[in-house]
Amino acid sequence: MNTYISALDLINFSNAIGNAIVHSEHSINQLQLRSDNYDFHVIWEDILGIQFWDLDAQQQIAAKTTCAALFKALCSANEKPPLFDDDFFDACIADTRQMDLDF
């Protein structure tokens, strides 16, 4: 039997991760994370792991992988602010037609 992931599965999983991070907000804020002091193993063991105790082993691995990617991305984004093309966004706001975006 093939298993698949639905959009609802992804939404529920991302909600569970978001809720765990919210519950850990005070502890995470105290770490004042940056790329140079970032140690996800410590974050997981000391702060986030307890939020996921009821997941099975495979789900815990998925949660840990997802959380690690989020923390790395946010540390990177905070140290190098994203660049926005204001002219592009102004044109998008002014134009009511559906735009095709290539990714």
PDB file of N, CA and C in Angstrom:
ATOM      1  N   MET A   1       0.834  -1.172   0.000  1.00  0.00           N
ATOM      2  CA  MET A   1       0.000   0.000   0.000  1.00  0.00           C
ATOM      3  C   MET A   1       0.885   1.245   0.000  1.00  0.00           C
ATOM      4  N   ASN A   2       0.583   2.174  -0.881  1.00  0.00           N
ATOM      5  CA  ASN A   2       1.329   3.429  -0.933  1.00  0.00           C
ATOM      6  C   ASN A   2       0.764   4.416   0.083  1.00  0.00           C
ATOM      7  N   THR A   3       1.656   5.143   0.711  1.00  0.00           N
ATOM      8  CA  THR A   3       1.221   6.209   1.593  1.00  0.00           C
ATOM      9  C   THR A   3       1.529   7.537   0.920  1.00  0.00           C
ATOM     10  N   TYR A   4       0.754   8.525   1.229  1.00  0.00           N
ATOM     11  CA  TYR A   4       0.977   9.842   0.652  1.00  0.00           C
ATOM     12  C   TYR A   4       0.719  10.904   1.710  1.00  0.00           C
ATOM     13  N   ILE A   5       1.232  12.078   1.439  1.00  0.00           N
ATOM     14  CA  ILE A   5       1.053  13.226   2.323  1.00  0.00           C
ATOM     15  C   ILE A   5       0.077  14.175   1.665  1.00  0.00           C
ATOM     16  N   SER A   6      -0.973  14.529   2.369  1.00  0.00           N
ATOM     17  CA  SER A   6      -1.954  15.470   1.830  1.00  0.00           C
ATOM     18  C   SER A   6      -1.625  16.883   2.295  1.00  0.00           C
ATOM     19  N   ALA A   7      -2.265  17.850   1.672  1.00  0.00           N
ATOM     20  CA  ALA A   7      -2.097  19.241   2.095  1.00  0.00           C
ATOM     21  C   ALA A   7      -2.540  19.404   3.545  1.00  0.00           C
ATOM     22  N   LEU A   8      -3.606  18.716   3.931  1.00  0.00           N
ATOM     23  CA  LEU A   8      -4.076  18.801   5.310  1.00  0.00           C
ATOM     24  C   LEU A   8      -3.045  18.234   6.283  1.00  0.00           C
ATOM     25  N   ASP A   9      -2.374  17.145   5.893  1.00  0.00           N
ATOM     26  CA  ASP A   9      -1.297  16.598   6.729  1.00  0.00           C
ATOM     27  C   ASP A   9      -0.201  17.641   6.945  1.00  0.00           C
ATOM     28  N   LEU A  10       0.179  18.327   5.874  1.00  0.00           N
ATOM     29  CA  LEU A  10       1.227  19.345   5.980  1.00  0.00           C
ATOM     30  C   LEU A  10       0.790  20.501   6.877  1.00  0.00           C
ATOM     31  N   ILE A  11      -0.456  20.920   6.728  1.00  0.00           N
ATOM     32  CA  ILE A  11      -0.974  22.010   7.557  1.00  0.00           C
ATOM     33  C   ILE A  11      -0.980  21.603   9.023  1.00  0.00           C
ATOM     34  N   ASN A  12      -1.483  20.406   9.316  1.00  0.00           N
ATOM     35  CA  ASN A  12      -1.532  19.937  10.700  1.00  0.00           C
ATOM     36  C   ASN A  12      -0.138  19.810  11.300  1.00  0.00           C
ATOM     37  N   PHE A  13       0.811  19.301  10.511  1.00  0.00           N
ATOM     38  CA  PHE A  13       2.177  19.143  10.996  1.00  0.00           C
ATOM     39  C   PHE A  13       2.821  20.497  11.256  1.00  0.00           C
ATOM     40  N   SER A  14       2.626  21.440  10.327  1.00  0.00           N
ATOM     41  CA  SER A  14       3.210  22.765  10.521  1.00  0.00           C
ATOM     42  C   SER A  14       2.569  23.465  11.716  1.00  0.00           C
ATOM     43  N   ASN A  15       1.281  23.226  11.952  1.00  0.00           N
ATOM     44  CA  ASN A  15       0.627  23.793  13.138  1.00  0.00           C
ATOM     45  C   ASN A  15       1.222  23.219  14.418  1.00  0.00           C
ATOM     46  N   ALA A  16       1.480  21.918  14.429  1.00  0.00           N
ATOM     47  CA  ALA A  16       2.073  21.283  15.609  1.00  0.00           C
ATOM     48  C   ALA A  16       3.450  21.864  15.893  1.00  0.00           C
ATOM     49  N   ILE A  17       4.236  22.082  14.846  1.00  0.00           N
ATOM     50  CA  ILE A  17       5.565  22.666  15.019  1.00  0.00           C
ATOM     51  C   ILE A  17       5.449  24.106  15.510  1.00  0.00           C
ATOM     52  N   GLY A  18       4.559  24.863  14.912  1.00  0.00           N
ATOM     53  CA  GLY A  18       4.360  26.248  15.338  1.00  0.00           C
ATOM     54  C   GLY A  18       3.920  26.335  16.793  1.00  0.00           C
ATOM     55  N   ASN A  19       3.005  25.472  17.197  1.00  0.00           N
ATOM     56  CA  ASN A  19       2.535  25.473  18.581  1.00  0.00           C
ATOM     57  C   ASN A  19       3.663  25.134  19.550  1.00  0.00           C
ATOM     58  N   ALA A  20       4.502  24.174  19.174  1.00  0.00           N
ATOM     59  CA  ALA A  20       5.629  23.800  20.038  1.00  0.00           C
ATOM     60  C   ALA A  20       6.593  24.965  20.204  1.00  0.00           C
ATOM     61  N   ILE A  21       6.846  25.681  19.124  1.00  0.00           N
ATOM     62  CA  ILE A  21       7.759  26.821  19.200  1.00  0.00           C
ATOM     63  C   ILE A  21       7.148  27.937  20.043  1.00  0.00           C
ATOM     64  N   VAL A  22       5.844  28.161  19.879  1.00  0.00           N
ATOM     65  CA  VAL A  22       5.169  29.183  20.699  1.00  0.00           C
ATOM     66  C   VAL A  22       5.261  28.831  22.184  1.00  0.00           C
ATOM     67  N   HIS A  23       5.041  27.555  22.520  1.00  0.00           N
ATOM     68  CA  HIS A  23       5.125  27.139  23.919  1.00  0.00           C
ATOM     69  C   HIS A  23       6.546  27.292  24.476  1.00  0.00           C
ATOM     70  N   SER A  24       7.523  27.284  23.588  1.00  0.00           N
ATOM     71  CA  SER A  24       8.924  27.383  24.008  1.00  0.00           C
ATOM     72  C   SER A  24       9.479  28.791  23.822  1.00  0.00           C
ATOM     73  N   GLU A  25       8.605  29.749  23.523  1.00  0.00           N
ATOM     74  CA  GLU A  25       9.053  31.084  23.122  1.00  0.00           C
ATOM     75  C   GLU A  25       9.991  31.732  24.139  1.00  0.00           C
ATOM     76  N   HIS A  26       9.643  31.713  25.398  1.00  0.00           N
ATOM     77  CA  HIS A  26      10.469  32.390  26.409  1.00  0.00           C
ATOM     78  C   HIS A  26      11.881  31.806  26.457  1.00  0.00           C
ATOM     79  N   SER A  27      11.960  30.474  26.456  1.00  0.00           N
ATOM     80  CA  SER A  27      13.276  29.822  26.508  1.00  0.00           C
ATOM     81  C   SER A  27      14.091  30.107  25.255  1.00  0.00           C
ATOM     82  N   ILE A  28      13.437  30.070  24.101  1.00  0.00           N
ATOM     83  CA  ILE A  28      14.155  30.324  22.846  1.00  0.00           C
ATOM     84  C   ILE A  28      14.648  31.768  22.807  1.00  0.00           C
ATOM     85  N   ASN A  29      13.801  32.709  23.239  1.00  0.00           N
ATOM     86  CA  ASN A  29      14.214  34.122  23.241  1.00  0.00           C
ATOM     87  C   ASN A  29      15.425  34.352  24.140  1.00  0.00           C
ATOM     88  N   GLN A  30      15.509  33.632  25.238  1.00  0.00           N
ATOM     89  CA  GLN A  30      16.645  33.806  26.147  1.00  0.00           C
ATOM     90  C   GLN A  30      17.965  33.383  25.508  1.00  0.00           C
ATOM     91  N   LEU A  31      17.910  32.497  24.522  1.00  0.00           N
ATOM     92  CA  LEU A  31      19.144  32.043  23.873  1.00  0.00           C
ATOM     93  C   LEU A  31      19.756  33.117  22.979  1.00  0.00           C
ATOM     94  N   GLN A  32      18.948  34.080  22.516  1.00  0.00           N
ATOM     95  CA  GLN A  32      19.408  35.132  21.604  1.00  0.00           C
ATOM     96  C   GLN A  32      20.245  34.532  20.474  1.00  0.00           C
ATOM     97  N   LEU A  33      19.613  33.697  19.698  1.00  0.00           N
ATOM     98  CA  LEU A  33      20.316  32.908  18.683  1.00  0.00           C
ATOM     99  C   LEU A  33      20.847  33.753  17.534  1.00  0.00           C
ATOM    100  N   ARG A  34      22.048  33.399  17.120  1.00  0.00           N
ATOM    101  CA  ARG A  34      22.687  33.909  15.913  1.00  0.00           C
ATOM    102  C   ARG A  34      23.392  32.711  15.270  1.00  0.00           C
ATOM    103  N   SER A  35      23.817  32.882  14.054  1.00  0.00           N
ATOM    104  CA  SER A  35      24.491  31.770  13.377  1.00  0.00           C
ATOM    105  C   SER A  35      25.741  31.315  14.119  1.00  0.00           C
ATOM    106  N   ASP A  36      26.442  32.259  14.781  1.00  0.00           N
ATOM    107  CA  ASP A  36      27.696  31.888  15.427  1.00  0.00           C
ATOM    108  C   ASP A  36      27.508  31.225  16.793  1.00  0.00           C
ATOM    109  N   ASN A  37      26.294  31.272  17.364  1.00  0.00           N
ATOM    110  CA  ASN A  37      26.083  30.591  18.644  1.00  0.00           C
ATOM    111  C   ASN A  37      24.951  29.572  18.549  1.00  0.00           C
ATOM    112  N   TYR A  38      24.612  29.201  17.341  1.00  0.00           N
ATOM    113  CA  TYR A  38      23.473  28.340  17.070  1.00  0.00           C
ATOM    114  C   TYR A  38      23.863  26.867  17.225  1.00  0.00           C
ATOM    115  N   ASP A  39      23.192  26.154  18.112  1.00  0.00           N
ATOM    116  CA  ASP A  39      23.424  24.719  18.279  1.00  0.00           C
ATOM    117  C   ASP A  39      22.061  24.045  18.418  1.00  0.00           C
ATOM    118  N   PHE A  40      21.559  23.516  17.303  1.00  0.00           N
ATOM    119  CA  PHE A  40      20.210  22.977  17.327  1.00  0.00           C
ATOM    120  C   PHE A  40      20.083  21.793  18.264  1.00  0.00           C
ATOM    121  N   HIS A  41      21.135  21.002  18.424  1.00  0.00           N
ATOM    122  CA  HIS A  41      21.082  19.861  19.338  1.00  0.00           C
ATOM    123  C   HIS A  41      20.715  20.323  20.749  1.00  0.00           C
ATOM    124  N   VAL A  42      21.315  21.412  21.191  1.00  0.00           N
ATOM    125  CA  VAL A  42      21.011  21.962  22.513  1.00  0.00           C
ATOM    126  C   VAL A  42      19.578  22.466  22.560  1.00  0.00           C
ATOM    127  N   ILE A  43      19.166  23.183  21.516  1.00  0.00           N
ATOM    128  CA  ILE A  43      17.793  23.702  21.466  1.00  0.00           C
ATOM    129  C   ILE A  43      16.793  22.558  21.553  1.00  0.00           C
ATOM    130  N   TRP A  44      17.055  21.502  20.800  1.00  0.00           N
ATOM    131  CA  TRP A  44      16.125  20.371  20.789  1.00  0.00           C
ATOM    132  C   TRP A  44      16.097  19.670  22.146  1.00  0.00           C
ATOM    133  N   GLU A  45      17.253  19.344  22.671  1.00  0.00           N
ATOM    134  CA  GLU A  45      17.324  18.597  23.933  1.00  0.00           C
ATOM    135  C   GLU A  45      16.775  19.393  25.109  1.00  0.00           C
ATOM    136  N   ASP A  46      17.075  20.678  25.150  1.00  0.00           N
ATOM    137  CA  ASP A  46      16.714  21.478  26.317  1.00  0.00           C
ATOM    138  C   ASP A  46      15.351  22.154  26.218  1.00  0.00           C
ATOM    139  N   ILE A  47      14.873  22.402  24.987  1.00  0.00           N
ATOM    140  CA  ILE A  47      13.675  23.225  24.845  1.00  0.00           C
ATOM    141  C   ILE A  47      12.570  22.561  24.034  1.00  0.00           C
ATOM    142  N   LEU A  48      12.877  22.125  22.825  1.00  0.00           N
ATOM    143  CA  LEU A  48      11.817  21.678  21.930  1.00  0.00           C
ATOM    144  C   LEU A  48      11.466  20.206  22.047  1.00  0.00           C
ATOM    145  N   GLY A  49      12.412  19.367  22.376  1.00  0.00           N
ATOM    146  CA  GLY A  49      12.156  17.934  22.403  1.00  0.00           C
ATOM    147  C   GLY A  49      10.979  17.544  23.275  1.00  0.00           C
ATOM    148  N   ILE A  50      10.820  18.240  24.390  1.00  0.00           N
ATOM    149  CA  ILE A  50       9.729  17.902  25.309  1.00  0.00           C
ATOM    150  C   ILE A  50       8.365  18.195  24.679  1.00  0.00           C
ATOM    151  N   GLN A  51       8.316  19.118  23.741  1.00  0.00           N
ATOM    152  CA  GLN A  51       7.059  19.454  23.092  1.00  0.00           C
ATOM    153  C   GLN A  51       6.602  18.354  22.128  1.00  0.00           C
ATOM    154  N   PHE A  52       7.523  17.500  21.722  1.00  0.00           N
ATOM    155  CA  PHE A  52       7.212  16.466  20.722  1.00  0.00           C
ATOM    156  C   PHE A  52       7.272  15.059  21.301  1.00  0.00           C
ATOM    157  N   TRP A  53       7.209  14.916  22.608  1.00  0.00           N
ATOM    158  CA  TRP A  53       7.371  13.603  23.242  1.00  0.00           C
ATOM    159  C   TRP A  53       6.331  12.597  22.776  1.00  0.00           C
ATOM    160  N   ASP A  54       5.142  13.049  22.373  1.00  0.00           N
ATOM    161  CA  ASP A  54       4.063  12.124  22.024  1.00  0.00           C
ATOM    162  C   ASP A  54       4.074  11.684  20.566  1.00  0.00           C
ATOM    163  N   LEU A  55       5.002  12.187  19.760  1.00  0.00           N
ATOM    164  CA  LEU A  55       5.083  11.763  18.365  1.00  0.00           C
ATOM    165  C   LEU A  55       5.844  10.449  18.261  1.00  0.00           C
ATOM    166  N   ASP A  56       5.541   9.682  17.218  1.00  0.00           N
ATOM    167  CA  ASP A  56       6.325   8.466  17.014  1.00  0.00           C
ATOM    168  C   ASP A  56       7.707   8.851  16.484  1.00  0.00           C
ATOM    169  N   ALA A  57       8.602   7.878  16.399  1.00  0.00           N
ATOM    170  CA  ALA A  57      10.004   8.158  16.058  1.00  0.00           C
ATOM    171  C   ALA A  57      10.144   8.852  14.706  1.00  0.00           C
ATOM    172  N   GLN A  58       9.382   8.402  13.714  1.00  0.00           N
ATOM    173  CA  GLN A  58       9.477   8.990  12.375  1.00  0.00           C
ATOM    174  C   GLN A  58       8.986  10.443  12.377  1.00  0.00           C
ATOM    175  N   GLN A  59       7.904  10.706  13.108  1.00  0.00           N
ATOM    176  CA  GLN A  59       7.390  12.067  13.191  1.00  0.00           C
ATOM    177  C   GLN A  59       8.351  12.973  13.958  1.00  0.00           C
ATOM    178  N   GLN A  60       9.013  12.426  14.982  1.00  0.00           N
ATOM    179  CA  GLN A  60       9.994  13.231  15.712  1.00  0.00           C
ATOM    180  C   GLN A  60      11.162  13.624  14.823  1.00  0.00           C
ATOM    181  N   ILE A  61      11.599  12.703  13.979  1.00  0.00           N
ATOM    182  CA  ILE A  61      12.686  13.021  13.042  1.00  0.00           C
ATOM    183  C   ILE A  61      12.246  14.120  12.090  1.00  0.00           C
ATOM    184  N   ALA A  62      11.008  14.023  11.591  1.00  0.00           N
ATOM    185  CA  ALA A  62      10.487  15.054  10.683  1.00  0.00           C
ATOM    186  C   ALA A  62      10.396  16.405  11.390  1.00  0.00           C
ATOM    187  N   ALA A  63       9.898  16.399  12.624  1.00  0.00           N
ATOM    188  CA  ALA A  63       9.782  17.650  13.382  1.00  0.00           C
ATOM    189  C   ALA A  63      11.155  18.251  13.643  1.00  0.00           C
ATOM    190  N   LYS A  64      12.107  17.412  14.016  1.00  0.00           N
ATOM    191  CA  LYS A  64      13.460  17.890  14.305  1.00  0.00           C
ATOM    192  C   LYS A  64      14.101  18.475  13.048  1.00  0.00           C
ATOM    193  N   THR A  65      13.957  17.797  11.923  1.00  0.00           N
ATOM    194  CA  THR A  65      14.519  18.274  10.657  1.00  0.00           C
ATOM    195  C   THR A  65      13.898  19.600  10.247  1.00  0.00           C
ATOM    196  N   THR A  66      12.574  19.693  10.372  1.00  0.00           N
ATOM    197  CA  THR A  66      11.868  20.920  10.000  1.00  0.00           C
ATOM    198  C   THR A  66      12.266  22.078  10.900  1.00  0.00           C
ATOM    199  N   CYS A  67      12.284  21.848  12.206  1.00  0.00           N
ATOM    200  CA  CYS A  67      12.669  22.902  13.151  1.00  0.00           C
ATOM    201  C   CYS A  67      14.094  23.370  12.896  1.00  0.00           C
ATOM    202  N   ALA A  68      15.000  22.443  12.661  1.00  0.00           N
ATOM    203  CA  ALA A  68      16.397  22.812  12.407  1.00  0.00           C
ATOM    204  C   ALA A  68      16.502  23.700  11.176  1.00  0.00           C
ATOM    205  N   ALA A  69      15.775  23.342  10.111  1.00  0.00           N
ATOM    206  CA  ALA A  69      15.804  24.146   8.885  1.00  0.00           C
ATOM    207  C   ALA A  69      15.241  25.542   9.139  1.00  0.00           C
ATOM    208  N   LEU A  70      14.170  25.629   9.930  1.00  0.00           N
ATOM    209  CA  LEU A  70      13.586  26.937  10.246  1.00  0.00           C
ATOM    210  C   LEU A  70      14.568  27.807  11.018  1.00  0.00           C
ATOM    211  N   PHE A  71      15.201  27.236  12.037  1.00  0.00           N
ATOM    212  CA  PHE A  71      16.142  28.014  12.835  1.00  0.00           C
ATOM    213  C   PHE A  71      17.327  28.486  11.990  1.00  0.00           C
ATOM    214  N   LYS A  72      17.867  27.616  11.153  1.00  0.00           N
ATOM    215  CA  LYS A  72      18.997  28.001  10.299  1.00  0.00           C
ATOM    216  C   LYS A  72      18.597  29.113   9.346  1.00  0.00           C
ATOM    217  N   ALA A  73      17.411  28.966   8.729  1.00  0.00           N
ATOM    218  CA  ALA A  73      16.955  29.966   7.764  1.00  0.00           C
ATOM    219  C   ALA A  73      16.729  31.313   8.429  1.00  0.00           C
ATOM    220  N   LEU A  74      16.139  31.302   9.615  1.00  0.00           N
ATOM    221  CA  LEU A  74      15.863  32.562  10.293  1.00  0.00           C
ATOM    222  C   LEU A  74      17.131  33.237  10.794  1.00  0.00           C
ATOM    223  N   CYS A  75      18.090  32.466  11.278  1.00  0.00           N
ATOM    224  CA  CYS A  75      19.373  33.051  11.673  1.00  0.00           C
ATOM    225  C   CYS A  75      20.023  33.720  10.468  1.00  0.00           C
ATOM    226  N   SER A  76      19.996  33.038   9.343  1.00  0.00           N
ATOM    227  CA  SER A  76      20.582  33.577   8.118  1.00  0.00           C
ATOM    228  C   SER A  76      19.838  34.834   7.668  1.00  0.00           C
ATOM    229  N   ALA A  77      18.518  34.788   7.698  1.00  0.00           N
ATOM    230  CA  ALA A  77      17.725  35.939   7.258  1.00  0.00           C
ATOM    231  C   ALA A  77      17.940  37.144   8.163  1.00  0.00           C
ATOM    232  N   ASN A  78      18.080  36.914   9.459  1.00  0.00           N
ATOM    233  CA  ASN A  78      18.266  38.024  10.390  1.00  0.00           C
ATOM    234  C   ASN A  78      19.631  38.682  10.233  1.00  0.00           C
ATOM    235  N   GLU A  79      20.614  37.921   9.808  1.00  0.00           N
ATOM    236  CA  GLU A  79      21.945  38.487   9.638  1.00  0.00           C
ATOM    237  C   GLU A  79      22.140  39.117   8.266  1.00  0.00           C
ATOM    238  N   LYS A  80      21.350  38.676   7.306  1.00  0.00           N
ATOM    239  CA  LYS A  80      21.407  39.241   5.960  1.00  0.00           C
ATOM    240  C   LYS A  80      19.975  39.509   5.528  1.00  0.00           C
ATOM    241  N   PRO A  81      19.476  40.730   5.742  1.00  0.00           N
ATOM    242  CA  PRO A  81      18.080  41.015   5.431  1.00  0.00           C
ATOM    243  C   PRO A  81      17.759  40.720   3.970  1.00  0.00           C
ATOM    244  N   PRO A  82      16.575  40.169   3.723  1.00  0.00           N
ATOM    245  CA  PRO A  82      16.191  39.887   2.337  1.00  0.00           C
ATOM    246  C   PRO A  82      16.036  41.180   1.540  1.00  0.00           C
ATOM    247  N   LEU A  83      16.329  41.097   0.278  1.00  0.00           N
ATOM    248  CA  LEU A  83      16.197  42.263  -0.601  1.00  0.00           C
ATOM    249  C   LEU A  83      14.881  42.168  -1.361  1.00  0.00           C
ATOM    250  N   PHE A  84      14.161  43.261  -1.417  1.00  0.00           N
ATOM    251  CA  PHE A  84      12.888  43.290  -2.128  1.00  0.00           C
ATOM    252  C   PHE A  84      12.981  44.293  -3.271  1.00  0.00           C
ATOM    253  N   ASP A  85      12.409  43.918  -4.381  1.00  0.00           N
ATOM    254  CA  ASP A  85      12.343  44.797  -5.536  1.00  0.00           C
ATOM    255  C   ASP A  85      11.058  45.615  -5.390  1.00  0.00           C
ATOM    256  N   ASP A  86      11.187  46.840  -4.863  1.00  0.00           N
ATOM    257  CA  ASP A  86      10.007  47.665  -4.606  1.00  0.00           C
ATOM    258  C   ASP A  86       9.217  47.957  -5.869  1.00  0.00           C
ATOM    259  N   ASP A  87       9.918  48.167  -6.993  1.00  0.00           N
ATOM    260  CA  ASP A  87       9.209  48.444  -8.248  1.00  0.00           C
ATOM    261  C   ASP A  87       8.335  47.256  -8.650  1.00  0.00           C
ATOM    262  N   PHE A  88       8.856  46.046  -8.472  1.00  0.00           N
ATOM    263  CA  PHE A  88       8.096  44.850  -8.812  1.00  0.00           C
ATOM    264  C   PHE A  88       6.839  44.753  -7.950  1.00  0.00           C
ATOM    265  N   PHE A  89       6.990  44.952  -6.620  1.00  0.00           N
ATOM    266  CA  PHE A  89       5.841  44.834  -5.731  1.00  0.00           C
ATOM    267  C   PHE A  89       4.837  45.954  -5.950  1.00  0.00           C
ATOM    268  N   ASP A  90       5.319  47.168  -6.250  1.00  0.00           N
ATOM    269  CA  ASP A  90       4.401  48.264  -6.546  1.00  0.00           C
ATOM    270  C   ASP A  90       3.593  47.951  -7.794  1.00  0.00           C
ATOM    271  N   ALA A  91       4.245  47.364  -8.797  1.00  0.00           N
ATOM    272  CA  ALA A  91       3.543  46.989 -10.025  1.00  0.00           C
ATOM    273  C   ALA A  91       2.515  45.895  -9.747  1.00  0.00           C
ATOM    274  N   CYS A  92       2.863  44.948  -8.877  1.00  0.00           N
ATOM    275  CA  CYS A  92       1.927  43.877  -8.529  1.00  0.00           C
ATOM    276  C   CYS A  92       0.686  44.441  -7.852  1.00  0.00           C
ATOM    277  N   ILE A  93       0.891  45.390  -6.949  1.00  0.00           N
ATOM    278  CA  ILE A  93      -0.236  45.965  -6.219  1.00  0.00           C
ATOM    279  C   ILE A  93      -1.131  46.757  -7.161  1.00  0.00           C
ATOM    280  N   ALA A  94      -0.541  47.491  -8.098  1.00  0.00           N
ATOM    281  CA  ALA A  94      -1.312  48.328  -9.020  1.00  0.00           C
ATOM    282  C   ALA A  94      -2.036  47.495 -10.076  1.00  0.00           C
ATOM    283  N   ASP A  95      -1.500  46.338 -10.418  1.00  0.00           N
ATOM    284  CA  ASP A  95      -2.060  45.502 -11.484  1.00  0.00           C
ATOM    285  C   ASP A  95      -3.044  44.510 -10.884  1.00  0.00           C
ATOM    286  N   THR A  96      -4.275  44.526 -11.364  1.00  0.00           N
ATOM    287  CA  THR A  96      -5.300  43.626 -10.834  1.00  0.00           C
ATOM    288  C   THR A  96      -5.348  42.298 -11.585  1.00  0.00           C
ATOM    289  N   ARG A  97      -4.577  42.143 -12.662  1.00  0.00           N
ATOM    290  CA  ARG A  97      -4.560  40.886 -13.404  1.00  0.00           C
ATOM    291  C   ARG A  97      -3.764  39.830 -12.645  1.00  0.00           C
ATOM    292  N   GLN A  98      -4.085  38.569 -12.892  1.00  0.00           N
ATOM    293  CA  GLN A  98      -3.312  37.475 -12.319  1.00  0.00           C
ATOM    294  C   GLN A  98      -1.937  37.440 -12.949  1.00  0.00           C
ATOM    295  N   MET A  99      -0.897  37.362 -12.139  1.00  0.00           N
ATOM    296  CA  MET A  99       0.462  37.342 -12.668  1.00  0.00           C
ATOM    297  C   MET A  99       1.007  35.925 -12.671  1.00  0.00           C
ATOM    298  N   ASP A 100       1.773  35.603 -13.707  1.00  0.00           N
ATOM    299  CA  ASP A 100       2.478  34.321 -13.762  1.00  0.00           C
ATOM    300  C   ASP A 100       3.883  34.524 -13.224  1.00  0.00           C
ATOM    301  N   LEU A 101       4.230  33.760 -12.197  1.00  0.00           N
ATOM    302  CA  LEU A 101       5.565  33.867 -11.605  1.00  0.00           C
ATOM    303  C   LEU A 101       6.325  32.589 -11.869  1.00  0.00           C
ATOM    304  N   ASP A 102       7.538  32.712 -12.344  1.00  0.00           N
ATOM    305  CA  ASP A 102       8.399  31.552 -12.551  1.00  0.00           C
ATOM    306  C   ASP A 102       9.288  31.390 -11.337  1.00  0.00           C
ATOM    307  N   PHE A 103       9.316  30.172 -10.790  1.00  0.00           N
ATOM    308  CA  PHE A 103      10.156  29.898  -9.627  1.00  0.00           C
ATOM    309  C   PHE A 103      11.272  28.973 -10.036  1.00  0.00           C
TER     310      PHE A 103
END
